[in-house]
Amino acid sequence: MFATSEPFSGFAVDDVAKAKQFYAETLGMTVSAEFGMLMLDIGAGKNILVYPKPDHTPATFTILNFPVEDIDAAVAELTRLGVSFERYDGFAQDEQGIARAEGPPIAWFKDPAGNILSVLQLE
């Protein structure tokens, strides 16, 4: 039944207009809107659905990771654009909010709905 389908992921927000502005203007993603929902173009013909949920409660885990070539440059640019980086107990994070001790360097931030996102440097 699913052998030829192309599944895609999705997540909820409490305000689609704010989400569209953040993902399109702040993060610079290609965003389309239809039926009161958004599609985030993540390249290679793949999309992520963003849908409204008035009683939305953000997840307590990272829902979307953005691989970057240079995490220091990415964090600096996002900071310049007004993004604040999260700090979590149990992770040694530098002054920029980047955790470098375990796994790939990673820094977490939130979208306007409180969903946790990250930038991480895989190489």
PDB file of N, CA and C in Angstrom:
ATOM      1  N   MET A   1       0.811  -1.201   0.000  1.00  0.00           N
ATOM      2  CA  MET A   1       0.000   0.000   0.000  1.00  0.00           C
ATOM      3  C   MET A   1       0.857   1.269   0.000  1.00  0.00           C
ATOM      4  N   PHE A   2       1.974   1.260   0.755  1.00  0.00           N
ATOM      5  CA  PHE A   2       2.789   2.469   0.857  1.00  0.00           C
ATOM      6  C   PHE A   2       4.068   2.403   0.035  1.00  0.00           C
ATOM      7  N   ALA A   3       4.230   1.391  -0.761  1.00  0.00           N
ATOM      8  CA  ALA A   3       5.464   1.205  -1.518  1.00  0.00           C
ATOM      9  C   ALA A   3       5.778   2.366  -2.444  1.00  0.00           C
ATOM     10  N   THR A   4       4.764   3.023  -2.957  1.00  0.00           N
ATOM     11  CA  THR A   4       5.020   4.118  -3.891  1.00  0.00           C
ATOM     12  C   THR A   4       4.683   5.488  -3.303  1.00  0.00           C
ATOM     13  N   SER A   5       4.254   5.528  -2.052  1.00  0.00           N
ATOM     14  CA  SER A   5       3.923   6.828  -1.458  1.00  0.00           C
ATOM     15  C   SER A   5       5.191   7.526  -0.974  1.00  0.00           C
ATOM     16  N   GLU A   6       5.114   8.821  -0.817  1.00  0.00           N
ATOM     17  CA  GLU A   6       6.236   9.600  -0.297  1.00  0.00           C
ATOM     18  C   GLU A   6       5.779  10.287   0.981  1.00  0.00           C
ATOM     19  N   PRO A   7       5.981   9.645   2.122  1.00  0.00           N
ATOM     20  CA  PRO A   7       5.529  10.225   3.377  1.00  0.00           C
ATOM     21  C   PRO A   7       6.274  11.517   3.683  1.00  0.00           C
ATOM     22  N   PHE A   8       5.653  12.331   4.503  1.00  0.00           N
ATOM     23  CA  PHE A   8       6.297  13.564   4.945  1.00  0.00           C
ATOM     24  C   PHE A   8       5.901  13.817   6.384  1.00  0.00           C
ATOM     25  N   SER A   9       6.700  14.599   7.044  1.00  0.00           N
ATOM     26  CA  SER A   9       6.486  14.896   8.449  1.00  0.00           C
ATOM     27  C   SER A   9       5.665  16.166   8.600  1.00  0.00           C
ATOM     28  N   GLY A  10       5.159  16.384   9.790  1.00  0.00           N
ATOM     29  CA  GLY A  10       4.412  17.602  10.073  1.00  0.00           C
ATOM     30  C   GLY A  10       4.459  17.917  11.549  1.00  0.00           C
ATOM     31  N   PHE A  11       4.149  19.147  11.875  1.00  0.00           N
ATOM     32  CA  PHE A  11       4.055  19.559  13.267  1.00  0.00           C
ATOM     33  C   PHE A  11       3.077  20.713  13.391  1.00  0.00           C
ATOM     34  N   ALA A  12       2.611  20.934  14.620  1.00  0.00           N
ATOM     35  CA  ALA A  12       1.591  21.945  14.881  1.00  0.00           C
ATOM     36  C   ALA A  12       2.197  23.259  15.356  1.00  0.00           C
ATOM     37  N   VAL A  13       1.440  24.327  15.112  1.00  0.00           N
ATOM     38  CA  VAL A  13       1.742  25.656  15.640  1.00  0.00           C
ATOM     39  C   VAL A  13       0.426  26.273  16.104  1.00  0.00           C
ATOM     40  N   ASP A  14       0.530  27.289  16.948  1.00  0.00           N
ATOM     41  CA  ASP A  14      -0.691  27.950  17.406  1.00  0.00           C
ATOM     42  C   ASP A  14      -1.071  29.145  16.545  1.00  0.00           C
ATOM     43  N   ASP A  15      -0.157  29.610  15.688  1.00  0.00           N
ATOM     44  CA  ASP A  15      -0.419  30.777  14.846  1.00  0.00           C
ATOM     45  C   ASP A  15       0.298  30.587  13.513  1.00  0.00           C
ATOM     46  N   VAL A  16      -0.462  30.241  12.477  1.00  0.00           N
ATOM     47  CA  VAL A  16       0.121  29.953  11.162  1.00  0.00           C
ATOM     48  C   VAL A  16       0.792  31.196  10.559  1.00  0.00           C
ATOM     49  N   ALA A  17       0.201  32.369  10.735  1.00  0.00           N
ATOM     50  CA  ALA A  17       0.783  33.594  10.177  1.00  0.00           C
ATOM     51  C   ALA A  17       2.158  33.878  10.789  1.00  0.00           C
ATOM     52  N   LYS A  18       2.272  33.747  12.104  1.00  0.00           N
ATOM     53  CA  LYS A  18       3.572  33.953  12.761  1.00  0.00           C
ATOM     54  C   LYS A  18       4.583  32.905  12.303  1.00  0.00           C
ATOM     55  N   ALA A  19       4.126  31.666  12.160  1.00  0.00           N
ATOM     56  CA  ALA A  19       5.013  30.595  11.694  1.00  0.00           C
ATOM     57  C   ALA A  19       5.502  30.887  10.282  1.00  0.00           C
ATOM     58  N   LYS A  20       4.601  31.330   9.420  1.00  0.00           N
ATOM     59  CA  LYS A  20       4.993  31.634   8.043  1.00  0.00           C
ATOM     60  C   LYS A  20       6.046  32.733   8.013  1.00  0.00           C
ATOM     61  N   GLN A  21       5.840  33.777   8.783  1.00  0.00           N
ATOM     62  CA  GLN A  21       6.806  34.871   8.823  1.00  0.00           C
ATOM     63  C   GLN A  21       8.166  34.372   9.331  1.00  0.00           C
ATOM     64  N   PHE A  22       8.159  33.598  10.400  1.00  0.00           N
ATOM     65  CA  PHE A  22       9.409  33.101  10.980  1.00  0.00           C
ATOM     66  C   PHE A  22      10.157  32.192  10.004  1.00  0.00           C
ATOM     67  N   TYR A  23       9.475  31.186   9.465  1.00  0.00           N
ATOM     68  CA  TYR A  23      10.154  30.227   8.594  1.00  0.00           C
ATOM     69  C   TYR A  23      10.579  30.855   7.271  1.00  0.00           C
ATOM     70  N   ALA A  24       9.775  31.758   6.733  1.00  0.00           N
ATOM     71  CA  ALA A  24      10.116  32.389   5.452  1.00  0.00           C
ATOM     72  C   ALA A  24      11.110  33.534   5.627  1.00  0.00           C
ATOM     73  N   GLU A  25      10.806  34.462   6.538  1.00  0.00           N
ATOM     74  CA  GLU A  25      11.625  35.661   6.644  1.00  0.00           C
ATOM     75  C   GLU A  25      12.863  35.479   7.522  1.00  0.00           C
ATOM     76  N   THR A  26      12.705  34.872   8.678  1.00  0.00           N
ATOM     77  CA  THR A  26      13.847  34.710   9.577  1.00  0.00           C
ATOM     78  C   THR A  26      14.761  33.587   9.116  1.00  0.00           C
ATOM     79  N   LEU A  27      14.176  32.414   8.825  1.00  0.00           N
ATOM     80  CA  LEU A  27      15.003  31.281   8.428  1.00  0.00           C
ATOM     81  C   LEU A  27      15.269  31.221   6.931  1.00  0.00           C
ATOM     82  N   GLY A  28      14.542  31.995   6.129  1.00  0.00           N
ATOM     83  CA  GLY A  28      14.787  32.060   4.693  1.00  0.00           C
ATOM     84  C   GLY A  28      14.345  30.832   3.922  1.00  0.00           C
ATOM     85  N   MET A  29      13.389  30.090   4.462  1.00  0.00           N
ATOM     86  CA  MET A  29      12.902  28.908   3.775  1.00  0.00           C
ATOM     87  C   MET A  29      11.834  29.274   2.753  1.00  0.00           C
ATOM     88  N   THR A  30      11.648  28.422   1.769  1.00  0.00           N
ATOM     89  CA  THR A  30      10.542  28.572   0.838  1.00  0.00           C
ATOM     90  C   THR A  30       9.305  27.989   1.510  1.00  0.00           C
ATOM     91  N   VAL A  31       8.283  28.820   1.673  1.00  0.00           N
ATOM     92  CA  VAL A  31       7.072  28.426   2.393  1.00  0.00           C
ATOM     93  C   VAL A  31       5.868  28.694   1.499  1.00  0.00           C
ATOM     94  N   SER A  32       4.998  27.712   1.374  1.00  0.00           N
ATOM     95  CA  SER A  32       3.748  27.921   0.645  1.00  0.00           C
ATOM     96  C   SER A  32       2.590  27.689   1.613  1.00  0.00           C
ATOM     97  N   ALA A  33       1.477  28.339   1.310  1.00  0.00           N
ATOM     98  CA  ALA A  33       0.300  28.235   2.170  1.00  0.00           C
ATOM     99  C   ALA A  33      -0.890  27.769   1.349  1.00  0.00           C
ATOM    100  N   GLU A  34      -1.655  26.844   1.918  1.00  0.00           N
ATOM    101  CA  GLU A  34      -2.865  26.354   1.280  1.00  0.00           C
ATOM    102  C   GLU A  34      -3.738  25.684   2.332  1.00  0.00           C
ATOM    103  N   PHE A  35      -5.027  25.901   2.254  1.00  0.00           N
ATOM    104  CA  PHE A  35      -5.995  25.299   3.175  1.00  0.00           C
ATOM    105  C   PHE A  35      -5.716  25.671   4.636  1.00  0.00           C
ATOM    106  N   GLY A  36      -5.121  26.846   4.869  1.00  0.00           N
ATOM    107  CA  GLY A  36      -4.828  27.282   6.223  1.00  0.00           C
ATOM    108  C   GLY A  36      -3.626  26.609   6.855  1.00  0.00           C
ATOM    109  N   MET A  37      -2.849  25.914   6.035  1.00  0.00           N
ATOM    110  CA  MET A  37      -1.645  25.229   6.509  1.00  0.00           C
ATOM    111  C   MET A  37      -0.452  25.697   5.692  1.00  0.00           C
ATOM    112  N   LEU A  38       0.736  25.344   6.147  1.00  0.00           N
ATOM    113  CA  LEU A  38       1.962  25.702   5.447  1.00  0.00           C
ATOM    114  C   LEU A  38       2.684  24.448   4.991  1.00  0.00           C
ATOM    115  N   MET A  39       3.451  24.590   3.928  1.00  0.00           N
ATOM    116  CA  MET A  39       4.386  23.549   3.522  1.00  0.00           C
ATOM    117  C   MET A  39       5.760  24.202   3.498  1.00  0.00           C
ATOM    118  N   LEU A  40       6.700  23.631   4.257  1.00  0.00           N
ATOM    119  CA  LEU A  40       8.075  24.096   4.266  1.00  0.00           C
ATOM    120  C   LEU A  40       8.852  23.260   3.269  1.00  0.00           C
ATOM    121  N   ASP A  41       9.425  23.904   2.267  1.00  0.00           N
ATOM    122  CA  ASP A  41      10.220  23.213   1.258  1.00  0.00           C
ATOM    123  C   ASP A  41      11.610  22.988   1.843  1.00  0.00           C
ATOM    124  N   ILE A  42      11.980  21.714   2.036  1.00  0.00           N
ATOM    125  CA  ILE A  42      13.289  21.419   2.596  1.00  0.00           C
ATOM    126  C   ILE A  42      14.258  20.885   1.550  1.00  0.00           C
ATOM    127  N   GLY A  43      13.905  21.044   0.293  1.00  0.00           N
ATOM    128  CA  GLY A  43      14.783  20.638  -0.801  1.00  0.00           C
ATOM    129  C   GLY A  43      14.550  19.206  -1.245  1.00  0.00           C
ATOM    130  N   ALA A  44      15.118  18.877  -2.386  1.00  0.00           N
ATOM    131  CA  ALA A  44      15.026  17.535  -2.970  1.00  0.00           C
ATOM    132  C   ALA A  44      13.583  17.068  -3.113  1.00  0.00           C
ATOM    133  N   GLY A  45      12.668  18.017  -3.334  1.00  0.00           N
ATOM    134  CA  GLY A  45      11.266  17.667  -3.516  1.00  0.00           C
ATOM    135  C   GLY A  45      10.557  17.250  -2.245  1.00  0.00           C
ATOM    136  N   LYS A  46      11.149  17.526  -1.104  1.00  0.00           N
ATOM    137  CA  LYS A  46      10.578  17.134   0.185  1.00  0.00           C
ATOM    138  C   LYS A  46       9.990  18.345   0.902  1.00  0.00           C
ATOM    139  N   ASN A  47       8.909  18.102   1.632  1.00  0.00           N
ATOM    140  CA  ASN A  47       8.223  19.168   2.355  1.00  0.00           C
ATOM    141  C   ASN A  47       7.867  18.714   3.765  1.00  0.00           C
ATOM    142  N   ILE A  48       7.648  19.695   4.613  1.00  0.00           N
ATOM    143  CA  ILE A  48       7.147  19.444   5.967  1.00  0.00           C
ATOM    144  C   ILE A  48       5.867  20.246   6.123  1.00  0.00           C
ATOM    145  N   LEU A  49       4.832  19.596   6.610  1.00  0.00           N
ATOM    146  CA  LEU A  49       3.531  20.223   6.829  1.00  0.00           C
ATOM    147  C   LEU A  49       3.525  20.940   8.175  1.00  0.00           C
ATOM    148  N   VAL A  50       3.037  22.172   8.184  1.00  0.00           N
ATOM    149  CA  VAL A  50       2.842  22.927   9.422  1.00  0.00           C
ATOM    150  C   VAL A  50       1.355  23.244   9.493  1.00  0.00           C
ATOM    151  N   TYR A  51       0.704  22.788  10.547  1.00  0.00           N
ATOM    152  CA  TYR A  51      -0.744  22.914  10.632  1.00  0.00           C
ATOM    153  C   TYR A  51      -1.151  23.622  11.921  1.00  0.00           C
ATOM    154  N   PRO A  52      -2.292  24.308  11.897  1.00  0.00           N
ATOM    155  CA  PRO A  52      -2.736  25.033  13.091  1.00  0.00           C
ATOM    156  C   PRO A  52      -3.361  24.091  14.123  1.00  0.00           C
ATOM    157  N   LYS A  53      -3.106  24.393  15.370  1.00  0.00           N
ATOM    158  CA  LYS A  53      -3.722  23.661  16.480  1.00  0.00           C
ATOM    159  C   LYS A  53      -3.894  24.676  17.606  1.00  0.00           C
ATOM    160  N   PRO A  54      -5.105  25.179  17.791  1.00  0.00           N
ATOM    161  CA  PRO A  54      -5.334  26.257  18.770  1.00  0.00           C
ATOM    162  C   PRO A  54      -4.870  25.931  20.189  1.00  0.00           C
ATOM    163  N   ASP A  55      -4.977  24.672  20.616  1.00  0.00           N
ATOM    164  CA  ASP A  55      -4.533  24.305  21.963  1.00  0.00           C
ATOM    165  C   ASP A  55      -3.142  23.668  21.938  1.00  0.00           C
ATOM    166  N   HIS A  56      -2.346  24.095  20.969  1.00  0.00           N
ATOM    167  CA  HIS A  56      -0.991  23.570  20.759  1.00  0.00           C
ATOM    168  C   HIS A  56      -0.144  23.648  22.026  1.00  0.00           C
ATOM    169  N   THR A  57       0.521  22.547  22.311  1.00  0.00           N
ATOM    170  CA  THR A  57       1.532  22.504  23.363  1.00  0.00           C
ATOM    171  C   THR A  57       2.825  22.057  22.694  1.00  0.00           C
ATOM    172  N   PRO A  58       3.878  22.866  22.775  1.00  0.00           N
ATOM    173  CA  PRO A  58       5.132  22.490  22.115  1.00  0.00           C
ATOM    174  C   PRO A  58       5.695  21.183  22.670  1.00  0.00           C
ATOM    175  N   ALA A  59       6.342  20.438  21.798  1.00  0.00           N
ATOM    176  CA  ALA A  59       7.012  19.211  22.226  1.00  0.00           C
ATOM    177  C   ALA A  59       8.200  19.579  23.113  1.00  0.00           C
ATOM    178  N   THR A  60       8.623  18.639  23.921  1.00  0.00           N
ATOM    179  CA  THR A  60       9.762  18.865  24.806  1.00  0.00           C
ATOM    180  C   THR A  60      11.053  18.308  24.197  1.00  0.00           C
ATOM    181  N   PHE A  61      11.033  18.068  22.898  1.00  0.00           N
ATOM    182  CA  PHE A  61      12.188  17.541  22.179  1.00  0.00           C
ATOM    183  C   PHE A  61      12.339  18.309  20.869  1.00  0.00           C
ATOM    184  N   THR A  62      13.469  18.134  20.230  1.00  0.00           N
ATOM    185  CA  THR A  62      13.739  18.806  18.958  1.00  0.00           C
ATOM    186  C   THR A  62      12.882  18.193  17.864  1.00  0.00           C
ATOM    187  N   ILE A  63      12.108  19.052  17.171  1.00  0.00           N
ATOM    188  CA  ILE A  63      11.231  18.537  16.113  1.00  0.00           C
ATOM    189  C   ILE A  63      11.826  18.709  14.723  1.00  0.00           C
ATOM    190  N   LEU A  64      12.827  19.602  14.597  1.00  0.00           N
ATOM    191  CA  LEU A  64      13.390  19.881  13.281  1.00  0.00           C
ATOM    192  C   LEU A  64      14.846  20.296  13.440  1.00  0.00           C
ATOM    193  N   ASN A  65      15.733  19.623  12.711  1.00  0.00           N
ATOM    194  CA  ASN A  65      17.166  19.907  12.749  1.00  0.00           C
ATOM    195  C   ASN A  65      17.619  20.459  11.406  1.00  0.00           C
ATOM    196  N   PHE A  66      18.432  21.492  11.452  1.00  0.00           N
ATOM    197  CA  PHE A  66      18.968  22.099  10.237  1.00  0.00           C
ATOM    198  C   PHE A  66      20.475  21.871  10.196  1.00  0.00           C
ATOM    199  N   PRO A  67      20.959  20.952   9.348  1.00  0.00           N
ATOM    200  CA  PRO A  67      22.405  20.785   9.211  1.00  0.00           C
ATOM    201  C   PRO A  67      23.016  22.030   8.561  1.00  0.00           C
ATOM    202  N   VAL A  68      24.145  22.466   9.098  1.00  0.00           N
ATOM    203  CA  VAL A  68      24.858  23.625   8.563  1.00  0.00           C
ATOM    204  C   VAL A  68      26.328  23.283   8.411  1.00  0.00           C
ATOM    205  N   GLU A  69      27.009  23.966   7.496  1.00  0.00           N
ATOM    206  CA  GLU A  69      28.432  23.727   7.294  1.00  0.00           C
ATOM    207  C   GLU A  69      29.276  24.364   8.386  1.00  0.00           C
ATOM    208  N   ASP A  70      28.829  25.512   8.901  1.00  0.00           N
ATOM    209  CA  ASP A  70      29.596  26.254   9.901  1.00  0.00           C
ATOM    210  C   ASP A  70      28.636  26.703  10.997  1.00  0.00           C
ATOM    211  N   ILE A  71      28.618  25.975  12.102  1.00  0.00           N
ATOM    212  CA  ILE A  71      27.652  26.274  13.162  1.00  0.00           C
ATOM    213  C   ILE A  71      27.893  27.639  13.786  1.00  0.00           C
ATOM    214  N   ASP A  72      29.152  28.047  13.901  1.00  0.00           N
ATOM    215  CA  ASP A  72      29.435  29.358  14.482  1.00  0.00           C
ATOM    216  C   ASP A  72      28.840  30.473  13.631  1.00  0.00           C
ATOM    217  N   ALA A  73      28.993  30.360  12.313  1.00  0.00           N
ATOM    218  CA  ALA A  73      28.428  31.362  11.404  1.00  0.00           C
ATOM    219  C   ALA A  73      26.899  31.319  11.432  1.00  0.00           C
ATOM    220  N   ALA A  74      26.328  30.125  11.479  1.00  0.00           N
ATOM    221  CA  ALA A  74      24.865  30.002  11.500  1.00  0.00           C
ATOM    222  C   ALA A  74      24.278  30.605  12.765  1.00  0.00           C
ATOM    223  N   VAL A  75      24.890  30.310  13.910  1.00  0.00           N
ATOM    224  CA  VAL A  75      24.402  30.861  15.178  1.00  0.00           C
ATOM    225  C   VAL A  75      24.553  32.374  15.188  1.00  0.00           C
ATOM    226  N   ALA A  76      25.668  32.878  14.688  1.00  0.00           N
ATOM    227  CA  ALA A  76      25.879  34.336  14.636  1.00  0.00           C
ATOM    228  C   ALA A  76      24.828  35.001  13.758  1.00  0.00           C
ATOM    229  N   GLU A  77      24.532  34.416  12.606  1.00  0.00           N
ATOM    230  CA  GLU A  77      23.543  35.005  11.701  1.00  0.00           C
ATOM    231  C   GLU A  77      22.139  34.939  12.295  1.00  0.00           C
ATOM    232  N   LEU A  78      21.770  33.812  12.874  1.00  0.00           N
ATOM    233  CA  LEU A  78      20.452  33.704  13.489  1.00  0.00           C
ATOM    234  C   LEU A  78      20.315  34.666  14.664  1.00  0.00           C
ATOM    235  N   THR A  79      21.364  34.824  15.441  1.00  0.00           N
ATOM    236  CA  THR A  79      21.355  35.789  16.544  1.00  0.00           C
ATOM    237  C   THR A  79      21.144  37.197  16.002  1.00  0.00           C
ATOM    238  N   ARG A  80      21.822  37.528  14.911  1.00  0.00           N
ATOM    239  CA  ARG A  80      21.661  38.836  14.275  1.00  0.00           C
ATOM    240  C   ARG A  80      20.215  39.050  13.827  1.00  0.00           C
ATOM    241  N   LEU A  81      19.548  37.984  13.438  1.00  0.00           N
ATOM    242  CA  LEU A  81      18.159  38.055  12.978  1.00  0.00           C
ATOM    243  C   LEU A  81      17.154  38.041  14.128  1.00  0.00           C
ATOM    244  N   GLY A  82      17.659  38.006  15.365  1.00  0.00           N
ATOM    245  CA  GLY A  82      16.777  38.067  16.529  1.00  0.00           C
ATOM    246  C   GLY A  82      16.432  36.745  17.172  1.00  0.00           C
ATOM    247  N   VAL A  83      17.044  35.664  16.725  1.00  0.00           N
ATOM    248  CA  VAL A  83      16.781  34.347  17.308  1.00  0.00           C
ATOM    249  C   VAL A  83      17.575  34.216  18.605  1.00  0.00           C
ATOM    250  N   SER A  84      16.920  33.703  19.638  1.00  0.00           N
ATOM    251  CA  SER A  84      17.581  33.438  20.920  1.00  0.00           C
ATOM    252  C   SER A  84      17.834  31.945  21.035  1.00  0.00           C
ATOM    253  N   PHE A  85      18.985  31.600  21.564  1.00  0.00           N
ATOM    254  CA  PHE A  85      19.334  30.192  21.706  1.00  0.00           C
ATOM    255  C   PHE A  85      19.055  29.710  23.116  1.00  0.00           C
ATOM    256  N   GLU A  86      18.574  28.479  23.187  1.00  0.00           N
ATOM    257  CA  GLU A  86      18.179  27.855  24.446  1.00  0.00           C
ATOM    258  C   GLU A  86      19.389  27.292  25.167  1.00  0.00           C
ATOM    259  N   ARG A  87      19.256  27.183  26.467  1.00  0.00           N
ATOM    260  CA  ARG A  87      20.280  26.544  27.301  1.00  0.00           C
ATOM    261  C   ARG A  87      19.592  25.438  28.080  1.00  0.00           C
ATOM    262  N   TYR A  88      20.213  24.273  28.072  1.00  0.00           N
ATOM    263  CA  TYR A  88      19.624  23.115  28.719  1.00  0.00           C
ATOM    264  C   TYR A  88      20.566  22.535  29.760  1.00  0.00           C
ATOM    265  N   ASP A  89      20.018  22.187  30.908  1.00  0.00           N
ATOM    266  CA  ASP A  89      20.799  21.521  31.949  1.00  0.00           C
ATOM    267  C   ASP A  89      21.337  20.209  31.398  1.00  0.00           C
ATOM    268  N   GLY A  90      22.542  19.884  31.777  1.00  0.00           N
ATOM    269  CA  GLY A  90      23.136  18.624  31.353  1.00  0.00           C
ATOM    270  C   GLY A  90      23.952  18.724  30.080  1.00  0.00           C
ATOM    271  N   PHE A  91      23.929  19.892  29.450  1.00  0.00           N
ATOM    272  CA  PHE A  91      24.720  20.101  28.238  1.00  0.00           C
ATOM    273  C   PHE A  91      25.681  21.258  28.480  1.00  0.00           C
ATOM    274  N   ALA A  92      26.959  21.010  28.272  1.00  0.00           N
ATOM    275  CA  ALA A  92      27.937  22.089  28.363  1.00  0.00           C
ATOM    276  C   ALA A  92      27.807  22.915  27.086  1.00  0.00           C
ATOM    277  N   GLN A  93      27.383  24.161  27.222  1.00  0.00           N
ATOM    278  CA  GLN A  93      27.197  25.036  26.065  1.00  0.00           C
ATOM    279  C   GLN A  93      28.088  26.254  26.218  1.00  0.00           C
ATOM    280  N   ASP A  94      28.670  26.690  25.097  1.00  0.00           N
ATOM    281  CA  ASP A  94      29.538  27.860  25.137  1.00  0.00           C
ATOM    282  C   ASP A  94      28.713  29.140  25.198  1.00  0.00           C
ATOM    283  N   GLU A  95      29.377  30.289  25.125  1.00  0.00           N
ATOM    284  CA  GLU A  95      28.692  31.580  25.250  1.00  0.00           C
ATOM    285  C   GLU A  95      27.677  31.828  24.145  1.00  0.00           C
ATOM    286  N   GLN A  96      27.812  31.136  23.022  1.00  0.00           N
ATOM    287  CA  GLN A  96      26.847  31.268  21.931  1.00  0.00           C
ATOM    288  C   GLN A  96      25.658  30.324  22.098  1.00  0.00           C
ATOM    289  N   GLY A  97      25.767  29.388  23.032  1.00  0.00           N
ATOM    290  CA  GLY A  97      24.712  28.395  23.221  1.00  0.00           C
ATOM    291  C   GLY A  97      24.964  27.109  22.471  1.00  0.00           C
ATOM    292  N   ILE A  98      26.182  26.926  21.966  1.00  0.00           N
ATOM    293  CA  ILE A  98      26.513  25.726  21.192  1.00  0.00           C
ATOM    294  C   ILE A  98      27.055  24.642  22.124  1.00  0.00           C
ATOM    295  N   ALA A  99      26.473  23.443  22.047  1.00  0.00           N
ATOM    296  CA  ALA A  99      26.965  22.278  22.773  1.00  0.00           C
ATOM    297  C   ALA A  99      27.941  21.551  21.859  1.00  0.00           C
ATOM    298  N   ARG A 100      29.151  21.355  22.349  1.00  0.00           N
ATOM    299  CA  ARG A 100      30.185  20.745  21.502  1.00  0.00           C
ATOM    300  C   ARG A 100      30.752  19.448  22.078  1.00  0.00           C
ATOM    301  N   ALA A 101      30.369  19.081  23.293  1.00  0.00           N
ATOM    302  CA  ALA A 101      31.028  17.971  23.990  1.00  0.00           C
ATOM    303  C   ALA A 101      30.590  16.592  23.510  1.00  0.00           C
ATOM    304  N   GLU A 102      29.315  16.392  23.257  1.00  0.00           N
ATOM    305  CA  GLU A 102      28.807  15.071  22.877  1.00  0.00           C
ATOM    306  C   GLU A 102      28.131  15.153  21.518  1.00  0.00           C
ATOM    307  N   GLY A 103      28.527  14.305  20.614  1.00  0.00           N
ATOM    308  CA  GLY A 103      27.922  14.316  19.285  1.00  0.00           C
ATOM    309  C   GLY A 103      28.349  15.526  18.486  1.00  0.00           C
ATOM    310  N   PRO A 104      27.615  15.810  17.417  1.00  0.00           N
ATOM    311  CA  PRO A 104      27.988  16.958  16.589  1.00  0.00           C
ATOM    312  C   PRO A 104      27.691  18.269  17.322  1.00  0.00           C
ATOM    313  N   PRO A 105      28.428  19.332  17.018  1.00  0.00           N
ATOM    314  CA  PRO A 105      28.097  20.635  17.606  1.00  0.00           C
ATOM    315  C   PRO A 105      26.653  20.996  17.254  1.00  0.00           C
ATOM    316  N   ILE A 106      25.888  21.439  18.269  1.00  0.00           N
ATOM    317  CA  ILE A 106      24.465  21.704  18.084  1.00  0.00           C
ATOM    318  C   ILE A 106      24.041  22.884  18.950  1.00  0.00           C
ATOM    319  N   ALA A 107      23.086  23.653  18.451  1.00  0.00           N
ATOM    320  CA  ALA A 107      22.507  24.766  19.215  1.00  0.00           C
ATOM    321  C   ALA A 107      21.005  24.745  18.975  1.00  0.00           C
ATOM    322  N   TRP A 108      20.238  24.927  20.047  1.00  0.00           N
ATOM    323  CA  TRP A 108      18.786  24.842  19.972  1.00  0.00           C
ATOM    324  C   TRP A 108      18.137  26.214  20.074  1.00  0.00           C
ATOM    325  N   PHE A 109      17.026  26.370  19.363  1.00  0.00           N
ATOM    326  CA  PHE A 109      16.229  27.589  19.415  1.00  0.00           C
ATOM    327  C   PHE A 109      14.773  27.208  19.207  1.00  0.00           C
ATOM    328  N   LYS A 110      13.876  28.158  19.389  1.00  0.00           N
ATOM    329  CA  LYS A 110      12.450  27.866  19.269  1.00  0.00           C
ATOM    330  C   LYS A 110      11.803  28.718  18.185  1.00  0.00           C
ATOM    331  N   ASP A 111      10.756  28.172  17.577  1.00  0.00           N
ATOM    332  CA  ASP A 111       9.936  28.961  16.660  1.00  0.00           C
ATOM    333  C   ASP A 111       8.908  29.736  17.495  1.00  0.00           C
ATOM    334  N   PRO A 112       8.100  30.600  16.879  1.00  0.00           N
ATOM    335  CA  PRO A 112       7.140  31.402  17.655  1.00  0.00           C
ATOM    336  C   PRO A 112       6.126  30.579  18.456  1.00  0.00           C
ATOM    337  N   ALA A 113       5.897  29.318  18.062  1.00  0.00           N
ATOM    338  CA  ALA A 113       4.957  28.459  18.777  1.00  0.00           C
ATOM    339  C   ALA A 113       5.633  27.702  19.925  1.00  0.00           C
ATOM    340  N   GLY A 114       6.934  27.890  20.088  1.00  0.00           N
ATOM    341  CA  GLY A 114       7.666  27.202  21.142  1.00  0.00           C
ATOM    342  C   GLY A 114       8.225  25.853  20.746  1.00  0.00           C
ATOM    343  N   ASN A 115       8.101  25.489  19.471  1.00  0.00           N
ATOM    344  CA  ASN A 115       8.675  24.236  18.987  1.00  0.00           C
ATOM    345  C   ASN A 115      10.191  24.349  18.986  1.00  0.00           C
ATOM    346  N   ILE A 116      10.858  23.291  19.432  1.00  0.00           N
ATOM    347  CA  ILE A 116      12.318  23.296  19.524  1.00  0.00           C
ATOM    348  C   ILE A 116      12.914  22.877  18.193  1.00  0.00           C
ATOM    349  N   LEU A 117      13.831  23.704  17.698  1.00  0.00           N
ATOM    350  CA  LEU A 117      14.559  23.472  16.453  1.00  0.00           C
ATOM    351  C   LEU A 117      16.053  23.482  16.773  1.00  0.00           C
ATOM    352  N   SER A 118      16.874  23.035  15.849  1.00  0.00           N
ATOM    353  CA  SER A 118      18.313  23.120  16.074  1.00  0.00           C
ATOM    354  C   SER A 118      19.050  23.382  14.777  1.00  0.00           C
ATOM    355  N   VAL A 119      20.249  23.907  14.956  1.00  0.00           N
ATOM    356  CA  VAL A 119      21.255  23.894  13.882  1.00  0.00           C
ATOM    357  C   VAL A 119      22.353  22.994  14.401  1.00  0.00           C
ATOM    358  N   LEU A 120      22.883  22.160  13.517  1.00  0.00           N
ATOM    359  CA  LEU A 120      23.973  21.282  13.911  1.00  0.00           C
ATOM    360  C   LEU A 120      24.945  21.106  12.770  1.00  0.00           C
ATOM    361  N   GLN A 121      26.204  20.965  13.139  1.00  0.00           N
ATOM    362  CA  GLN A 121      27.269  20.796  12.148  1.00  0.00           C
ATOM    363  C   GLN A 121      27.647  19.336  12.121  1.00  0.00           C
ATOM    364  N   LEU A 122      27.360  18.661  11.007  1.00  0.00           N
ATOM    365  CA  LEU A 122      27.559  17.226  10.929  1.00  0.00           C
ATOM    366  C   LEU A 122      28.996  16.835  10.599  1.00  0.00           C
ATOM    367  N   GLU A 123      29.770  17.713   9.999  1.00  0.00           N
ATOM    368  CA  GLU A 123      31.162  17.370   9.653  1.00  0.00           C
ATOM    369  C   GLU A 123      32.117  18.362  10.222  1.00  0.00           C
TER     370      GLU A 123
END
